[in-house]
Amino acid sequence: MAKKAATMTINQERDVYEAIGAFVFHFSQLEFTIRARLQRVLLLKPGYSDIVIGGYDFAMLCTVTREALLARKRISDKRKKLIKSFFNDCHGLANPSRNIVAHALWTTGGASHVSRNSLQRSLHYSDLNELRALTTKAKALMMRMFKDRI
């Protein structure tokens, strides 16, 4: 019985590691893609990209990229709407999701996280499918960048 419980715990841990890793991986791919887009919009040479935009956290990166894209000449209202919608969705994915994934105390039962606003602890992602859904959302956002030509 103890061996079965230990195996179950190892499998549960593996599932948690996999779900966290997949989210972090795809979120980082989305972030990199946005950085590359901002680099192109600002016409930054590769050596200057990290210097100019390397210090941005995800929220600031999204805000600066959105504003840089909207500041271009001859941009249609339809395009503006696509850009704004895309970056609103990126902000929605990052807060609080990314912060919880990155800063919570993880167990096989979920992520225990203290809110910076309320200072109250709460449990998140006790159902790993919630985290997997966020991973799918990160992938979909990256595909939207290409499909919608953000």
C-alpha atoms as a PDB file:
ATOM      1  CA  MET A   1       0.000   0.000   0.000  1.00  0.00           C
ATOM      2  CA  ALA A   2       2.836   2.405   0.868  1.00  0.00           C
ATOM      3  CA  LYS A   3       4.513   1.685  -2.481  1.00  0.00           C
ATOM      4  CA  LYS A   4       1.271   2.482  -4.313  1.00  0.00           C
ATOM      5  CA  ALA A   5       0.908   5.768  -2.390  1.00  0.00           C
ATOM      6  CA  ALA A   6       4.526   6.678  -3.136  1.00  0.00           C
ATOM      7  CA  THR A   7       4.021   5.922  -6.836  1.00  0.00           C
ATOM      8  CA  MET A   8       0.863   8.016  -6.867  1.00  0.00           C
ATOM      9  CA  THR A   9       2.745  10.925  -5.245  1.00  0.00           C
ATOM     10  CA  ILE A  10       5.589  10.626  -7.777  1.00  0.00           C
ATOM     11  CA  ASN A  11       3.072  10.635 -10.628  1.00  0.00           C
ATOM     12  CA  GLN A  12       1.223  13.590  -9.101  1.00  0.00           C
ATOM     13  CA  GLU A  13       4.477  15.493  -8.752  1.00  0.00           C
ATOM     14  CA  ARG A  14       5.393  14.683 -12.343  1.00  0.00           C
ATOM     15  CA  ASP A  15       2.001  16.014 -13.499  1.00  0.00           C
ATOM     16  CA  VAL A  16       2.541  19.241 -11.536  1.00  0.00           C
ATOM     17  CA  TYR A  17       6.068  19.670 -12.925  1.00  0.00           C
ATOM     18  CA  GLU A  18       4.819  19.048 -16.438  1.00  0.00           C
ATOM     19  CA  ALA A  19       1.928  21.519 -16.142  1.00  0.00           C
ATOM     20  CA  ILE A  20       4.125  24.253 -14.637  1.00  0.00           C
ATOM     21  CA  GLY A  21       6.893  23.661 -17.164  1.00  0.00           C
ATOM     22  CA  ALA A  22       4.549  23.725 -20.140  1.00  0.00           C
ATOM     23  CA  PHE A  23       3.008  26.998 -19.006  1.00  0.00           C
ATOM     24  CA  VAL A  24       6.373  28.646 -18.331  1.00  0.00           C
ATOM     25  CA  PHE A  25       7.729  27.398 -21.667  1.00  0.00           C
ATOM     26  CA  HIS A  26       4.831  28.686 -23.763  1.00  0.00           C
ATOM     27  CA  PHE A  27       4.546  31.936 -21.837  1.00  0.00           C
ATOM     28  CA  SER A  28       8.243  32.582 -22.486  1.00  0.00           C
ATOM     29  CA  GLN A  29       7.753  31.861 -26.178  1.00  0.00           C
ATOM     30  CA  LEU A  30       4.923  34.405 -26.285  1.00  0.00           C
ATOM     31  CA  GLU A  31       7.082  36.954 -24.465  1.00  0.00           C
ATOM     32  CA  PHE A  32       9.995  36.388 -26.847  1.00  0.00           C
ATOM     33  CA  THR A  33       7.721  36.813 -29.856  1.00  0.00           C
ATOM     34  CA  ILE A  34       6.405  40.123 -28.501  1.00  0.00           C
ATOM     35  CA  ARG A  35       9.978  41.293 -27.840  1.00  0.00           C
ATOM     36  CA  ALA A  36      10.948  40.409 -31.422  1.00  0.00           C
ATOM     37  CA  ARG A  37       7.920  42.309 -32.717  1.00  0.00           C
ATOM     38  CA  LEU A  38       8.838  45.408 -30.698  1.00  0.00           C
ATOM     39  CA  GLN A  39      12.413  45.152 -31.928  1.00  0.00           C
ATOM     40  CA  ARG A  40      11.140  45.204 -35.534  1.00  0.00           C
ATOM     41  CA  VAL A  41       8.737  48.094 -34.933  1.00  0.00           C
ATOM     42  CA  LEU A  42      11.459  50.206 -33.314  1.00  0.00           C
ATOM     43  CA  LEU A  43      13.970  49.162 -36.008  1.00  0.00           C
ATOM     44  CA  LEU A  44      16.445  48.117 -33.336  1.00  0.00           C
ATOM     45  CA  LYS A  45      19.580  46.361 -34.435  1.00  0.00           C
ATOM     46  CA  PRO A  46      20.000  43.015 -32.653  1.00  0.00           C
ATOM     47  CA  GLY A  47      22.772  44.310 -30.398  1.00  0.00           C
ATOM     48  CA  TYR A  48      20.552  47.116 -29.122  1.00  0.00           C
ATOM     49  CA  SER A  49      17.422  45.108 -28.472  1.00  0.00           C
ATOM     50  CA  ASP A  50      18.460  43.726 -25.086  1.00  0.00           C
ATOM     51  CA  ILE A  51      19.818  47.127 -24.048  1.00  0.00           C
ATOM     52  CA  VAL A  52      16.645  49.032 -24.932  1.00  0.00           C
ATOM     53  CA  ILE A  53      13.870  46.549 -24.108  1.00  0.00           C
ATOM     54  CA  GLY A  54      15.576  43.829 -22.052  1.00  0.00           C
ATOM     55  CA  GLY A  55      14.550  45.342 -18.716  1.00  0.00           C
ATOM     56  CA  TYR A  56      10.824  45.363 -19.423  1.00  0.00           C
ATOM     57  CA  ASP A  57       8.654  42.984 -17.443  1.00  0.00           C
ATOM     58  CA  PHE A  58       5.855  41.343 -19.387  1.00  0.00           C
ATOM     59  CA  ALA A  59       3.229  43.969 -18.559  1.00  0.00           C
ATOM     60  CA  MET A  60       5.472  46.854 -19.595  1.00  0.00           C
ATOM     61  CA  LEU A  61       6.597  44.978 -22.693  1.00  0.00           C
ATOM     62  CA  CYS A  62       2.973  44.562 -23.758  1.00  0.00           C
ATOM     63  CA  THR A  63       2.128  48.202 -23.051  1.00  0.00           C
ATOM     64  CA  VAL A  64       5.147  49.573 -24.925  1.00  0.00           C
ATOM     65  CA  THR A  65       4.641  47.229 -27.872  1.00  0.00           C
ATOM     66  CA  ARG A  66       0.942  48.076 -28.091  1.00  0.00           C
ATOM     67  CA  GLU A  67       1.653  51.808 -28.053  1.00  0.00           C
ATOM     68  CA  ALA A  68       4.479  51.499 -30.577  1.00  0.00           C
ATOM     69  CA  LEU A  69       2.215  49.553 -32.924  1.00  0.00           C
ATOM     70  CA  LEU A  70      -0.634  52.043 -32.495  1.00  0.00           C
ATOM     71  CA  ALA A  71       1.686  55.014 -33.109  1.00  0.00           C
ATOM     72  CA  ARG A  72       2.440  53.921 -36.668  1.00  0.00           C
ATOM     73  CA  LYS A  73       1.103  56.071 -39.478  1.00  0.00           C
ATOM     74  CA  ARG A  74      -1.825  54.929 -41.578  1.00  0.00           C
ATOM     75  CA  ILE A  75      -3.218  52.301 -39.249  1.00  0.00           C
ATOM     76  CA  SER A  76      -6.859  51.369 -39.727  1.00  0.00           C
ATOM     77  CA  ASP A  77      -9.432  51.339 -36.944  1.00  0.00           C
ATOM     78  CA  LYS A  78      -9.866  47.594 -37.502  1.00  0.00           C
ATOM     79  CA  ARG A  79      -6.131  47.051 -37.009  1.00  0.00           C
ATOM     80  CA  LYS A  80      -6.130  49.225 -33.870  1.00  0.00           C
ATOM     81  CA  LYS A  81      -8.926  47.113 -32.455  1.00  0.00           C
ATOM     82  CA  LEU A  82      -7.016  43.868 -33.177  1.00  0.00           C
ATOM     83  CA  ILE A  83      -3.886  45.228 -31.506  1.00  0.00           C
ATOM     84  CA  LYS A  84      -5.719  46.468 -28.425  1.00  0.00           C
ATOM     85  CA  SER A  85      -7.645  43.218 -28.061  1.00  0.00           C
ATOM     86  CA  PHE A  86      -4.501  41.131 -28.411  1.00  0.00           C
ATOM     87  CA  PHE A  87      -2.580  43.011 -25.732  1.00  0.00           C
ATOM     88  CA  ASN A  88      -5.575  43.111 -23.388  1.00  0.00           C
ATOM     89  CA  ASP A  89      -5.654  39.331 -23.638  1.00  0.00           C
ATOM     90  CA  CYS A  90      -1.898  39.161 -22.972  1.00  0.00           C
ATOM     91  CA  HIS A  91      -2.304  41.285 -19.841  1.00  0.00           C
ATOM     92  CA  GLY A  92      -5.168  39.007 -18.764  1.00  0.00           C
ATOM     93  CA  LEU A  93      -2.967  35.948 -19.105  1.00  0.00           C
ATOM     94  CA  ALA A  94      -0.096  37.473 -17.171  1.00  0.00           C
ATOM     95  CA  ASN A  95      -2.005  38.864 -14.226  1.00  0.00           C
ATOM     96  CA  PRO A  96      -2.450  37.099 -11.955  1.00  0.00           C
ATOM     97  CA  SER A  97      -1.756  33.789 -13.724  1.00  0.00           C
ATOM     98  CA  ARG A  98       1.952  34.163 -14.457  1.00  0.00           C
ATOM     99  CA  ASN A  99       2.654  35.668 -11.063  1.00  0.00           C
ATOM    100  CA  ILE A 100       0.903  32.820  -9.293  1.00  0.00           C
ATOM    101  CA  VAL A 101       2.687  30.153 -11.324  1.00  0.00           C
ATOM    102  CA  ALA A 102       6.067  31.788 -10.753  1.00  0.00           C
ATOM    103  CA  HIS A 103       5.754  32.851  -7.117  1.00  0.00           C
ATOM    104  CA  ALA A 104       3.383  30.451  -5.372  1.00  0.00           C
ATOM    105  CA  LEU A 105       4.272  27.628  -3.041  1.00  0.00           C
ATOM    106  CA  TRP A 106       3.534  24.558  -5.150  1.00  0.00           C
ATOM    107  CA  THR A 107       2.399  21.185  -3.818  1.00  0.00           C
ATOM    108  CA  THR A 108       0.650  18.293  -5.513  1.00  0.00           C
ATOM    109  CA  GLY A 109      -2.559  19.946  -4.283  1.00  0.00           C
ATOM    110  CA  GLY A 110      -2.024  23.216  -6.172  1.00  0.00           C
ATOM    111  CA  ALA A 111      -0.393  26.606  -5.818  1.00  0.00           C
ATOM    112  CA  SER A 112      -0.675  28.412  -2.498  1.00  0.00           C
ATOM    113  CA  HIS A 113      -0.295  32.128  -3.166  1.00  0.00           C
ATOM    114  CA  VAL A 114      -0.549  35.277  -1.042  1.00  0.00           C
ATOM    115  CA  SER A 115      -2.182  38.206  -2.804  1.00  0.00           C
ATOM    116  CA  ARG A 116      -0.140  41.411  -2.707  1.00  0.00           C
ATOM    117  CA  ASN A 117      -3.367  43.397  -2.468  1.00  0.00           C
ATOM    118  CA  SER A 118      -5.267  41.583   0.262  1.00  0.00           C
ATOM    119  CA  LEU A 119      -2.363  39.693   1.882  1.00  0.00           C
ATOM    120  CA  GLN A 120      -4.668  36.681   1.954  1.00  0.00           C
ATOM    121  CA  ARG A 121      -3.457  33.208   0.988  1.00  0.00           C
ATOM    122  CA  SER A 122      -5.502  31.205  -1.473  1.00  0.00           C
ATOM    123  CA  LEU A 123      -5.127  27.961  -3.379  1.00  0.00           C
ATOM    124  CA  HIS A 124      -4.966  27.987  -7.181  1.00  0.00           C
ATOM    125  CA  TYR A 125      -4.725  25.283  -9.828  1.00  0.00           C
ATOM    126  CA  SER A 126      -5.717  22.420  -7.573  1.00  0.00           C
ATOM    127  CA  ASP A 127      -7.126  21.152 -10.858  1.00  0.00           C
ATOM    128  CA  LEU A 128      -4.141  21.114 -13.198  1.00  0.00           C
ATOM    129  CA  ASN A 129      -6.497  21.382 -16.148  1.00  0.00           C
ATOM    130  CA  GLU A 130      -6.926  25.054 -15.201  1.00  0.00           C
ATOM    131  CA  LEU A 131      -3.194  25.570 -15.668  1.00  0.00           C
ATOM    132  CA  ARG A 132      -3.229  23.518 -18.855  1.00  0.00           C
ATOM    133  CA  ALA A 133      -5.984  25.798 -20.175  1.00  0.00           C
ATOM    134  CA  LEU A 134      -3.741  28.813 -19.538  1.00  0.00           C
ATOM    135  CA  THR A 135      -0.964  27.070 -21.451  1.00  0.00           C
ATOM    136  CA  THR A 136      -3.354  26.597 -24.352  1.00  0.00           C
ATOM    137  CA  LYS A 137      -4.247  30.287 -24.093  1.00  0.00           C
ATOM    138  CA  ALA A 138      -0.558  31.290 -24.240  1.00  0.00           C
ATOM    139  CA  LYS A 139      -0.096  29.139 -27.355  1.00  0.00           C
ATOM    140  CA  ALA A 140      -3.216  30.634 -28.947  1.00  0.00           C
ATOM    141  CA  LEU A 141      -2.039  34.181 -28.250  1.00  0.00           C
ATOM    142  CA  MET A 142       1.254  33.476 -29.946  1.00  0.00           C
ATOM    143  CA  MET A 143      -0.569  32.068 -32.966  1.00  0.00           C
ATOM    144  CA  ARG A 144      -2.783  35.179 -33.038  1.00  0.00           C
ATOM    145  CA  MET A 145       0.341  37.316 -33.340  1.00  0.00           C
ATOM    146  CA  PHE A 146       1.098  35.583 -36.613  1.00  0.00           C
ATOM    147  CA  LYS A 147      -2.458  35.033 -37.854  1.00  0.00           C
ATOM    148  CA  ASP A 148      -3.555  38.616 -37.168  1.00  0.00           C
ATOM    149  CA  ARG A 149      -0.112  39.968 -38.083  1.00  0.00           C
ATOM    150  CA  ILE A 150       0.139  41.955 -34.875  1.00  0.00           C
END
